Amino acid sequence: MFANSEYDKDNIAHTSTDDLALCIKSLVNFYDHRGQGHKLIIPLMGTNLSRVGLSHDDSLRVITSLFQLYGDKIHGEVDVVIYKGDKDKVTLDI
């Protein structure tokens, strides 16, 4: 588990698409060094409470694009989790 937000003076979490991309890149690097081929499971990120402002479709596109970009560091299966309550918010035509 990792945190992806910073808190403002009112203790409200915020992040940006750049922070999200950096977070995913850090996760991929960690996985490259310590994953040992195990399955990596990651939820959609950048929607709702993170306040990045991504739609669920955009979140899926960002995550899959970054995993494709850093594919040489992925040595196992990656599953992106879409919560049951959000399944109608995502198109799998990516």
PDB file of N, CA and C in Angstrom:
ATOM      1  N   MET A   1       0.846  -1.164   0.000  1.00  0.00           N
ATOM      2  CA  MET A   1       0.000   0.000   0.000  1.00  0.00           C
ATOM      3  C   MET A   1       0.894   1.230   0.000  1.00  0.00           C
ATOM      4  N   PHE A   2       0.451   2.276  -0.683  1.00  0.00           N
ATOM      5  CA  PHE A   2       1.206   3.514  -0.706  1.00  0.00           C
ATOM      6  C   PHE A   2       0.255   4.694  -0.761  1.00  0.00           C
ATOM      7  N   ALA A   3       0.739   5.819  -0.279  1.00  0.00           N
ATOM      8  CA  ALA A   3      -0.065   7.045  -0.288  1.00  0.00           C
ATOM      9  C   ALA A   3       0.248   7.821  -1.550  1.00  0.00           C
ATOM     10  N   ASN A   4      -0.750   8.493  -2.064  1.00  0.00           N
ATOM     11  CA  ASN A   4      -0.585   9.205  -3.319  1.00  0.00           C
ATOM     12  C   ASN A   4      -1.057  10.652  -3.215  1.00  0.00           C
ATOM     13  N   SER A   5      -1.267  11.161  -2.016  1.00  0.00           N
ATOM     14  CA  SER A   5      -1.819  12.498  -1.857  1.00  0.00           C
ATOM     15  C   SER A   5      -1.035  13.303  -0.838  1.00  0.00           C
ATOM     16  N   GLU A   6      -1.162  14.605  -0.973  1.00  0.00           N
ATOM     17  CA  GLU A   6      -0.656  15.524   0.036  1.00  0.00           C
ATOM     18  C   GLU A   6      -1.861  16.237   0.625  1.00  0.00           C
ATOM     19  N   TYR A   7      -1.710  16.672   1.854  1.00  0.00           N
ATOM     20  CA  TYR A   7      -2.818  17.341   2.537  1.00  0.00           C
ATOM     21  C   TYR A   7      -2.583  18.840   2.593  1.00  0.00           C
ATOM     22  N   ASP A   8      -3.648  19.609   2.364  1.00  0.00           N
ATOM     23  CA  ASP A   8      -3.541  21.065   2.456  1.00  0.00           C
ATOM     24  C   ASP A   8      -3.743  21.508   3.901  1.00  0.00           C
ATOM     25  N   LYS A   9      -3.789  22.824   4.120  1.00  0.00           N
ATOM     26  CA  LYS A   9      -3.907  23.358   5.476  1.00  0.00           C
ATOM     27  C   LYS A   9      -5.219  22.967   6.149  1.00  0.00           C
ATOM     28  N   ASP A  10      -6.216  22.595   5.362  1.00  0.00           N
ATOM     29  CA  ASP A  10      -7.508  22.166   5.903  1.00  0.00           C
ATOM     30  C   ASP A  10      -7.593  20.646   6.033  1.00  0.00           C
ATOM     31  N   ASN A  11      -6.435  19.975   5.855  1.00  0.00           N
ATOM     32  CA  ASN A  11      -6.342  18.519   5.962  1.00  0.00           C
ATOM     33  C   ASN A  11      -7.172  17.791   4.896  1.00  0.00           C
ATOM     34  N   ILE A  12      -7.219  18.376   3.697  1.00  0.00           N
ATOM     35  CA  ILE A  12      -7.913  17.776   2.560  1.00  0.00           C
ATOM     36  C   ILE A  12      -6.855  17.262   1.588  1.00  0.00           C
ATOM     37  N   ALA A  13      -7.012  16.012   1.183  1.00  0.00           N
ATOM     38  CA  ALA A  13      -6.026  15.372   0.304  1.00  0.00           C
ATOM     39  C   ALA A  13      -6.160  15.876  -1.125  1.00  0.00           C
ATOM     40  N   HIS A  14      -5.011  16.088  -1.762  1.00  0.00           N
ATOM     41  CA  HIS A  14      -4.940  16.514  -3.161  1.00  0.00           C
ATOM     42  C   HIS A  14      -3.748  15.834  -3.811  1.00  0.00           C
ATOM     43  N   THR A  15      -3.842  15.631  -5.112  1.00  0.00           N
ATOM     44  CA  THR A  15      -2.706  15.146  -5.885  1.00  0.00           C
ATOM     45  C   THR A  15      -2.885  15.599  -7.329  1.00  0.00           C
ATOM     46  N   SER A  16      -1.923  15.314  -8.184  1.00  0.00           N
ATOM     47  CA  SER A  16      -1.972  15.728  -9.586  1.00  0.00           C
ATOM     48  C   SER A  16      -1.685  14.523 -10.477  1.00  0.00           C
ATOM     49  N   THR A  17      -1.898  14.698 -11.764  1.00  0.00           N
ATOM     50  CA  THR A  17      -1.596  13.603 -12.697  1.00  0.00           C
ATOM     51  C   THR A  17      -0.097  13.323 -12.720  1.00  0.00           C
ATOM     52  N   ASP A  18       0.722  14.362 -12.558  1.00  0.00           N
ATOM     53  CA  ASP A  18       2.170  14.148 -12.500  1.00  0.00           C
ATOM     54  C   ASP A  18       2.541  13.310 -11.284  1.00  0.00           C
ATOM     55  N   ASP A  19       1.911  13.620 -10.133  1.00  0.00           N
ATOM     56  CA  ASP A  19       2.165  12.837  -8.920  1.00  0.00           C
ATOM     57  C   ASP A  19       1.707  11.393  -9.094  1.00  0.00           C
ATOM     58  N   LEU A  20       0.579  11.220  -9.750  1.00  0.00           N
ATOM     59  CA  LEU A  20       0.066   9.866  -9.999  1.00  0.00           C
ATOM     60  C   LEU A  20       1.039   9.084 -10.878  1.00  0.00           C
ATOM     61  N   ALA A  21       1.537   9.714 -11.931  1.00  0.00           N
ATOM     62  CA  ALA A  21       2.496   9.049 -12.821  1.00  0.00           C
ATOM     63  C   ALA A  21       3.784   8.707 -12.068  1.00  0.00           C
ATOM     64  N   LEU A  22       4.261   9.615 -11.220  1.00  0.00           N
ATOM     65  CA  LEU A  22       5.457   9.352 -10.423  1.00  0.00           C
ATOM     66  C   LEU A  22       5.224   8.198  -9.453  1.00  0.00           C
ATOM     67  N   CYS A  23       4.050   8.152  -8.871  1.00  0.00           N
ATOM     68  CA  CYS A  23       3.691   7.088  -7.944  1.00  0.00           C
ATOM     69  C   CYS A  23       3.698   5.732  -8.649  1.00  0.00           C
ATOM     70  N   ILE A  24       3.102   5.665  -9.829  1.00  0.00           N
ATOM     71  CA  ILE A  24       3.060   4.407 -10.582  1.00  0.00           C
ATOM     72  C   ILE A  24       4.469   4.010 -11.024  1.00  0.00           C
ATOM     73  N   LYS A  25       5.263   4.986 -11.446  1.00  0.00           N
ATOM     74  CA  LYS A  25       6.647   4.689 -11.832  1.00  0.00           C
ATOM     75  C   LYS A  25       7.418   4.128 -10.635  1.00  0.00           C
ATOM     76  N   SER A  26       7.229   4.703  -9.459  1.00  0.00           N
ATOM     77  CA  SER A  26       7.892   4.199  -8.249  1.00  0.00           C
ATOM     78  C   SER A  26       7.434   2.779  -7.925  1.00  0.00           C
ATOM     79  N   LEU A  27       6.138   2.523  -8.098  1.00  0.00           N
ATOM     80  CA  LEU A  27       5.607   1.184  -7.866  1.00  0.00           C
ATOM     81  C   LEU A  27       6.237   0.184  -8.831  1.00  0.00           C
ATOM     82  N   VAL A  28       6.348   0.550 -10.097  1.00  0.00           N
ATOM     83  CA  VAL A  28       6.947  -0.338 -11.095  1.00  0.00           C
ATOM     84  C   VAL A  28       8.409  -0.615 -10.750  1.00  0.00           C
ATOM     85  N   ASN A  29       9.139   0.404 -10.325  1.00  0.00           N
ATOM     86  CA  ASN A  29      10.540   0.198  -9.936  1.00  0.00           C
ATOM     87  C   ASN A  29      10.648  -0.723  -8.721  1.00  0.00           C
ATOM     88  N   PHE A  30       9.782  -0.531  -7.745  1.00  0.00           N
ATOM     89  CA  PHE A  30       9.759  -1.397  -6.571  1.00  0.00           C
ATOM     90  C   PHE A  30       9.464  -2.837  -7.004  1.00  0.00           C
ATOM     91  N   TYR A  31       8.470  -2.996  -7.854  1.00  0.00           N
ATOM     92  CA  TYR A  31       8.095  -4.328  -8.347  1.00  0.00           C
ATOM     93  C   TYR A  31       9.250  -4.969  -9.125  1.00  0.00           C
ATOM     94  N   ASP A  32       9.941  -4.175  -9.921  1.00  0.00           N
ATOM     95  CA  ASP A  32      11.071  -4.679 -10.706  1.00  0.00           C
ATOM     96  C   ASP A  32      12.146  -5.267  -9.789  1.00  0.00           C
ATOM     97  N   HIS A  33      12.396  -4.614  -8.669  1.00  0.00           N
ATOM     98  CA  HIS A  33      13.455  -5.043  -7.753  1.00  0.00           C
ATOM     99  C   HIS A  33      13.005  -6.119  -6.771  1.00  0.00           C
ATOM    100  N   ARG A  34      11.720  -6.122  -6.419  1.00  0.00           N
ATOM    101  CA  ARG A  34      11.294  -7.004  -5.343  1.00  0.00           C
ATOM    102  C   ARG A  34      10.108  -7.905  -5.679  1.00  0.00           C
ATOM    103  N   GLY A  35       9.536  -7.759  -6.864  1.00  0.00           N
ATOM    104  CA  GLY A  35       8.323  -8.495  -7.204  1.00  0.00           C
ATOM    105  C   GLY A  35       8.505  -9.971  -7.451  1.00  0.00           C
ATOM    106  N   GLN A  36       9.686 -10.384  -7.878  1.00  0.00           N
ATOM    107  CA  GLN A  36      10.034 -11.775  -8.119  1.00  0.00           C
ATOM    108  C   GLN A  36       8.999 -12.522  -8.960  1.00  0.00           C
ATOM    109  N   GLY A  37       8.376 -11.828  -9.909  1.00  0.00           N
ATOM    110  CA  GLY A  37       7.443 -12.479 -10.820  1.00  0.00           C
ATOM    111  C   GLY A  37       6.052 -12.704 -10.265  1.00  0.00           C
ATOM    112  N   HIS A  38       5.807 -12.266  -9.032  1.00  0.00           N
ATOM    113  CA  HIS A  38       4.470 -12.418  -8.457  1.00  0.00           C
ATOM    114  C   HIS A  38       3.481 -11.485  -9.152  1.00  0.00           C
ATOM    115  N   LYS A  39       2.219 -11.826  -9.061  1.00  0.00           N
ATOM    116  CA  LYS A  39       1.159 -11.001  -9.636  1.00  0.00           C
ATOM    117  C   LYS A  39       1.108  -9.657  -8.918  1.00  0.00           C
ATOM    118  N   LEU A  40       0.965  -8.586  -9.695  1.00  0.00           N
ATOM    119  CA  LEU A  40       0.804  -7.235  -9.157  1.00  0.00           C
ATOM    120  C   LEU A  40      -0.650  -6.830  -9.372  1.00  0.00           C
ATOM    121  N   ILE A  41      -1.319  -6.467  -8.299  1.00  0.00           N
ATOM    122  CA  ILE A  41      -2.720  -6.069  -8.368  1.00  0.00           C
ATOM    123  C   ILE A  41      -2.806  -4.605  -7.973  1.00  0.00           C
ATOM    124  N   ILE A  42      -3.403  -3.796  -8.845  1.00  0.00           N
ATOM    125  CA  ILE A  42      -3.465  -2.353  -8.620  1.00  0.00           C
ATOM    126  C   ILE A  42      -4.880  -1.851  -8.889  1.00  0.00           C
ATOM    127  N   PRO A  43      -5.410  -1.002  -8.029  1.00  0.00           N
ATOM    128  CA  PRO A  43      -6.744  -0.449  -8.272  1.00  0.00           C
ATOM    129  C   PRO A  43      -6.659   0.757  -9.209  1.00  0.00           C
ATOM    130  N   LEU A  44      -7.793   1.169  -9.731  1.00  0.00           N
ATOM    131  CA  LEU A  44      -7.835   2.444 -10.442  1.00  0.00           C
ATOM    132  C   LEU A  44      -7.438   3.528  -9.457  1.00  0.00           C
ATOM    133  N   MET A  45      -6.652   4.488  -9.906  1.00  0.00           N
ATOM    134  CA  MET A  45      -6.213   5.588  -9.042  1.00  0.00           C
ATOM    135  C   MET A  45      -6.444   6.906  -9.768  1.00  0.00           C
ATOM    136  N   GLY A  46      -6.601   7.968  -8.988  1.00  0.00           N
ATOM    137  CA  GLY A  46      -6.754   9.298  -9.575  1.00  0.00           C
ATOM    138  C   GLY A  46      -8.199   9.721  -9.734  1.00  0.00           C
ATOM    139  N   THR A  47      -9.110   8.933  -9.206  1.00  0.00           N
ATOM    140  CA  THR A  47     -10.536   9.268  -9.260  1.00  0.00           C
ATOM    141  C   THR A  47     -11.014   9.641  -7.859  1.00  0.00           C
ATOM    142  N   ASN A  48     -12.139  10.211  -7.773  1.00  0.00           N
ATOM    143  CA  ASN A  48     -12.833  10.491  -6.508  1.00  0.00           C
ATOM    144  C   ASN A  48     -11.983  11.223  -5.480  1.00  0.00           C
ATOM    145  N   LEU A  49     -11.661  10.585  -4.362  1.00  0.00           N
ATOM    146  CA  LEU A  49     -11.074  11.252  -3.206  1.00  0.00           C
ATOM    147  C   LEU A  49      -9.663  11.792  -3.430  1.00  0.00           C
ATOM    148  N   SER A  50      -8.948  11.291  -4.403  1.00  0.00           N
ATOM    149  CA  SER A  50      -7.598  11.799  -4.664  1.00  0.00           C
ATOM    150  C   SER A  50      -7.642  13.206  -5.252  1.00  0.00           C
ATOM    151  N   ARG A  51      -8.775  13.539  -5.842  1.00  0.00           N
ATOM    152  CA  ARG A  51      -9.010  14.861  -6.431  1.00  0.00           C
ATOM    153  C   ARG A  51      -8.075  15.185  -7.606  1.00  0.00           C
ATOM    154  N   VAL A  52      -7.599  14.148  -8.286  1.00  0.00           N
ATOM    155  CA  VAL A  52      -6.850  14.381  -9.522  1.00  0.00           C
ATOM    156  C   VAL A  52      -7.812  14.851 -10.594  1.00  0.00           C
ATOM    157  N   GLY A  53      -9.029  14.319 -10.547  1.00  0.00           N
ATOM    158  CA  GLY A  53     -10.041  14.718 -11.516  1.00  0.00           C
ATOM    159  C   GLY A  53     -10.141  13.799 -12.711  1.00  0.00           C
ATOM    160  N   LEU A  54      -9.532  12.636 -12.639  1.00  0.00           N
ATOM    161  CA  LEU A  54      -9.620  11.698 -13.752  1.00  0.00           C
ATOM    162  C   LEU A  54     -10.938  10.939 -13.706  1.00  0.00           C
ATOM    163  N   SER A  55     -11.483  10.690 -14.879  1.00  0.00           N
ATOM    164  CA  SER A  55     -12.616   9.776 -14.954  1.00  0.00           C
ATOM    165  C   SER A  55     -12.074   8.367 -14.756  1.00  0.00           C
ATOM    166  N   HIS A  56     -12.951   7.429 -14.549  1.00  0.00           N
ATOM    167  CA  HIS A  56     -12.509   6.045 -14.384  1.00  0.00           C
ATOM    168  C   HIS A  56     -11.856   5.527 -15.668  1.00  0.00           C
ATOM    169  N   ASP A  57     -12.394   5.906 -16.821  1.00  0.00           N
ATOM    170  CA  ASP A  57     -11.780   5.526 -18.101  1.00  0.00           C
ATOM    171  C   ASP A  57     -10.380   6.123 -18.229  1.00  0.00           C
ATOM    172  N   ASP A  58     -10.248   7.419 -17.894  1.00  0.00           N
ATOM    173  CA  ASP A  58      -8.937   8.068 -17.985  1.00  0.00           C
ATOM    174  C   ASP A  58      -7.933   7.431 -17.032  1.00  0.00           C
ATOM    175  N   SER A  59      -8.378   7.081 -15.837  1.00  0.00           N
ATOM    176  CA  SER A  59      -7.504   6.417 -14.876  1.00  0.00           C
ATOM    177  C   SER A  59      -6.976   5.110 -15.454  1.00  0.00           C
ATOM    178  N   LEU A  60      -7.857   4.315 -16.033  1.00  0.00           N
ATOM    179  CA  LEU A  60      -7.445   3.051 -16.634  1.00  0.00           C
ATOM    180  C   LEU A  60      -6.455   3.282 -17.766  1.00  0.00           C
ATOM    181  N   ARG A  61      -6.698   4.294 -18.589  1.00  0.00           N
ATOM    182  CA  ARG A  61      -5.781   4.602 -19.699  1.00  0.00           C
ATOM    183  C   ARG A  61      -4.402   5.027 -19.181  1.00  0.00           C
ATOM    184  N   VAL A  62      -4.377   5.891 -18.171  1.00  0.00           N
ATOM    185  CA  VAL A  62      -3.102   6.346 -17.604  1.00  0.00           C
ATOM    186  C   VAL A  62      -2.327   5.157 -17.048  1.00  0.00           C
ATOM    187  N   ILE A  63      -2.997   4.338 -16.257  1.00  0.00           N
ATOM    188  CA  ILE A  63      -2.327   3.194 -15.630  1.00  0.00           C
ATOM    189  C   ILE A  63      -1.804   2.219 -16.685  1.00  0.00           C
ATOM    190  N   THR A  64      -2.633   1.852 -17.643  1.00  0.00           N
ATOM    191  CA  THR A  64      -2.191   0.885 -18.657  1.00  0.00           C
ATOM    192  C   THR A  64      -1.093   1.468 -19.546  1.00  0.00           C
ATOM    193  N   SER A  65      -1.172   2.749 -19.846  1.00  0.00           N
ATOM    194  CA  SER A  65      -0.126   3.388 -20.659  1.00  0.00           C
ATOM    195  C   SER A  65       1.215   3.367 -19.949  1.00  0.00           C
ATOM    196  N   LEU A  66       1.200   3.677 -18.657  1.00  0.00           N
ATOM    197  CA  LEU A  66       2.454   3.679 -17.905  1.00  0.00           C
ATOM    198  C   LEU A  66       3.019   2.271 -17.753  1.00  0.00           C
ATOM    199  N   PHE A  67       2.157   1.285 -17.557  1.00  0.00           N
ATOM    200  CA  PHE A  67       2.649  -0.088 -17.466  1.00  0.00           C
ATOM    201  C   PHE A  67       3.190  -0.554 -18.816  1.00  0.00           C
ATOM    202  N   GLN A  68       2.631  -0.090 -19.916  1.00  0.00           N
ATOM    203  CA  GLN A  68       3.181  -0.426 -21.225  1.00  0.00           C
ATOM    204  C   GLN A  68       4.530   0.262 -21.422  1.00  0.00           C
ATOM    205  N   LEU A  69       4.614   1.521 -21.008  1.00  0.00           N
ATOM    206  CA  LEU A  69       5.850   2.282 -21.151  1.00  0.00           C
ATOM    207  C   LEU A  69       7.002   1.630 -20.376  1.00  0.00           C
ATOM    208  N   TYR A  70       6.703   1.152 -19.182  1.00  0.00           N
ATOM    209  CA  TYR A  70       7.725   0.537 -18.334  1.00  0.00           C
ATOM    210  C   TYR A  70       7.615  -0.987 -18.337  1.00  0.00           C
ATOM    211  N   GLY A  71       7.116  -1.542 -19.421  1.00  0.00           N
ATOM    212  CA  GLY A  71       6.893  -2.978 -19.526  1.00  0.00           C
ATOM    213  C   GLY A  71       8.130  -3.829 -19.331  1.00  0.00           C
ATOM    214  N   ASP A  72       9.303  -3.274 -19.616  1.00  0.00           N
ATOM    215  CA  ASP A  72      10.537  -4.038 -19.439  1.00  0.00           C
ATOM    216  C   ASP A  72      10.829  -4.324 -17.964  1.00  0.00           C
ATOM    217  N   LYS A  73      10.140  -3.635 -17.055  1.00  0.00           N
ATOM    218  CA  LYS A  73      10.337  -3.831 -15.621  1.00  0.00           C
ATOM    219  C   LYS A  73       9.270  -4.733 -15.002  1.00  0.00           C
ATOM    220  N   ILE A  74       8.330  -5.174 -15.823  1.00  0.00           N
ATOM    221  CA  ILE A  74       7.246  -6.024 -15.335  1.00  0.00           C
ATOM    222  C   ILE A  74       7.610  -7.479 -15.627  1.00  0.00           C
ATOM    223  N   HIS A  75       7.752  -8.275 -14.573  1.00  0.00           N
ATOM    224  CA  HIS A  75       8.185  -9.660 -14.724  1.00  0.00           C
ATOM    225  C   HIS A  75       7.114 -10.643 -14.262  1.00  0.00           C
ATOM    226  N   GLY A  76       5.890 -10.216 -14.303  1.00  0.00           N
ATOM    227  CA  GLY A  76       4.783 -11.066 -13.897  1.00  0.00           C
ATOM    228  C   GLY A  76       3.483 -10.475 -14.424  1.00  0.00           C
ATOM    229  N   GLU A  77       2.398 -10.997 -13.963  1.00  0.00           N
ATOM    230  CA  GLU A  77       1.070 -10.563 -14.394  1.00  0.00           C
ATOM    231  C   GLU A  77       0.645  -9.321 -13.612  1.00  0.00           C
ATOM    232  N   VAL A  78      -0.025  -8.395 -14.305  1.00  0.00           N
ATOM    233  CA  VAL A  78      -0.575  -7.202 -13.660  1.00  0.00           C
ATOM    234  C   VAL A  78      -2.087  -7.221 -13.840  1.00  0.00           C
ATOM    235  N   ASP A  79      -2.802  -7.108 -12.735  1.00  0.00           N
ATOM    236  CA  ASP A  79      -4.263  -7.007 -12.770  1.00  0.00           C
ATOM    237  C   ASP A  79      -4.664  -5.630 -12.270  1.00  0.00           C
ATOM    238  N   VAL A  80      -5.470  -4.935 -13.064  1.00  0.00           N
ATOM    239  CA  VAL A  80      -6.031  -3.657 -12.640  1.00  0.00           C
ATOM    240  C   VAL A  80      -7.434  -3.943 -12.129  1.00  0.00           C
ATOM    241  N   VAL A  81      -7.683  -3.571 -10.883  1.00  0.00           N
ATOM    242  CA  VAL A  81      -8.965  -3.850 -10.234  1.00  0.00           C
ATOM    243  C   VAL A  81      -9.933  -2.709 -10.479  1.00  0.00           C
ATOM    244  N   ILE A  82     -11.122  -3.075 -10.919  1.00  0.00           N
ATOM    245  CA  ILE A  82     -12.222  -2.122 -11.063  1.00  0.00           C
ATOM    246  C   ILE A  82     -13.300  -2.587 -10.098  1.00  0.00           C
ATOM    247  N   TYR A  83     -13.557  -1.784  -9.097  1.00  0.00           N
ATOM    248  CA  TYR A  83     -14.529  -2.170  -8.088  1.00  0.00           C
ATOM    249  C   TYR A  83     -15.915  -2.345  -8.693  1.00  0.00           C
ATOM    250  N   LYS A  84     -16.646  -3.290  -8.159  1.00  0.00           N
ATOM    251  CA  LYS A  84     -17.960  -3.649  -8.677  1.00  0.00           C
ATOM    252  C   LYS A  84     -18.864  -2.423  -8.842  1.00  0.00           C
ATOM    253  N   GLY A  85     -18.841  -1.515  -7.885  1.00  0.00           N
ATOM    254  CA  GLY A  85     -19.680  -0.320  -7.954  1.00  0.00           C
ATOM    255  C   GLY A  85     -19.272   0.665  -9.035  1.00  0.00           C
ATOM    256  N   ASP A  86     -18.064   0.498  -9.576  1.00  0.00           N
ATOM    257  CA  ASP A  86     -17.569   1.400 -10.621  1.00  0.00           C
ATOM    258  C   ASP A  86     -17.544   0.769 -12.002  1.00  0.00           C
ATOM    259  N   LYS A  87     -17.990  -0.481 -12.119  1.00  0.00           N
ATOM    260  CA  LYS A  87     -17.842  -1.178 -13.398  1.00  0.00           C
ATOM    261  C   LYS A  87     -18.602  -0.512 -14.533  1.00  0.00           C
ATOM    262  N   ASP A  88     -19.687   0.195 -14.229  1.00  0.00           N
ATOM    263  CA  ASP A  88     -20.437   0.880 -15.287  1.00  0.00           C
ATOM    264  C   ASP A  88     -19.773   2.209 -15.682  1.00  0.00           C
ATOM    265  N   LYS A  89     -18.712   2.597 -14.998  1.00  0.00           N
ATOM    266  CA  LYS A  89     -18.007   3.848 -15.284  1.00  0.00           C
ATOM    267  C   LYS A  89     -16.775   3.641 -16.148  1.00  0.00           C
ATOM    268  N   VAL A  90     -16.509   2.376 -16.513  1.00  0.00           N
ATOM    269  CA  VAL A  90     -15.284   2.065 -17.249  1.00  0.00           C
ATOM    270  C   VAL A  90     -15.625   1.330 -18.533  1.00  0.00           C
ATOM    271  N   THR A  91     -14.990   1.788 -19.611  1.00  0.00           N
ATOM    272  CA  THR A  91     -15.077   1.112 -20.891  1.00  0.00           C
ATOM    273  C   THR A  91     -13.784   0.351 -21.094  1.00  0.00           C
ATOM    274  N   LEU A  92     -13.855  -0.905 -21.409  1.00  0.00           N
ATOM    275  CA  LEU A  92     -12.638  -1.698 -21.568  1.00  0.00           C
ATOM    276  C   LEU A  92     -12.075  -1.650 -22.977  1.00  0.00           C
ATOM    277  N   ASP A  93     -12.553  -0.727 -23.794  1.00  0.00           N
ATOM    278  CA  ASP A  93     -12.033  -0.533 -25.153  1.00  0.00           C
ATOM    279  C   ASP A  93     -10.860   0.442 -25.115  1.00  0.00           C
ATOM    280  N   ILE A  94      -9.743  -0.009 -24.558  1.00  0.00           N
ATOM    281  CA  ILE A  94      -8.587   0.875 -24.450  1.00  0.00           C
ATOM    282  C   ILE A  94      -7.539   0.510 -25.466  1.00  0.00           C
TER     283      ILE A  94
END
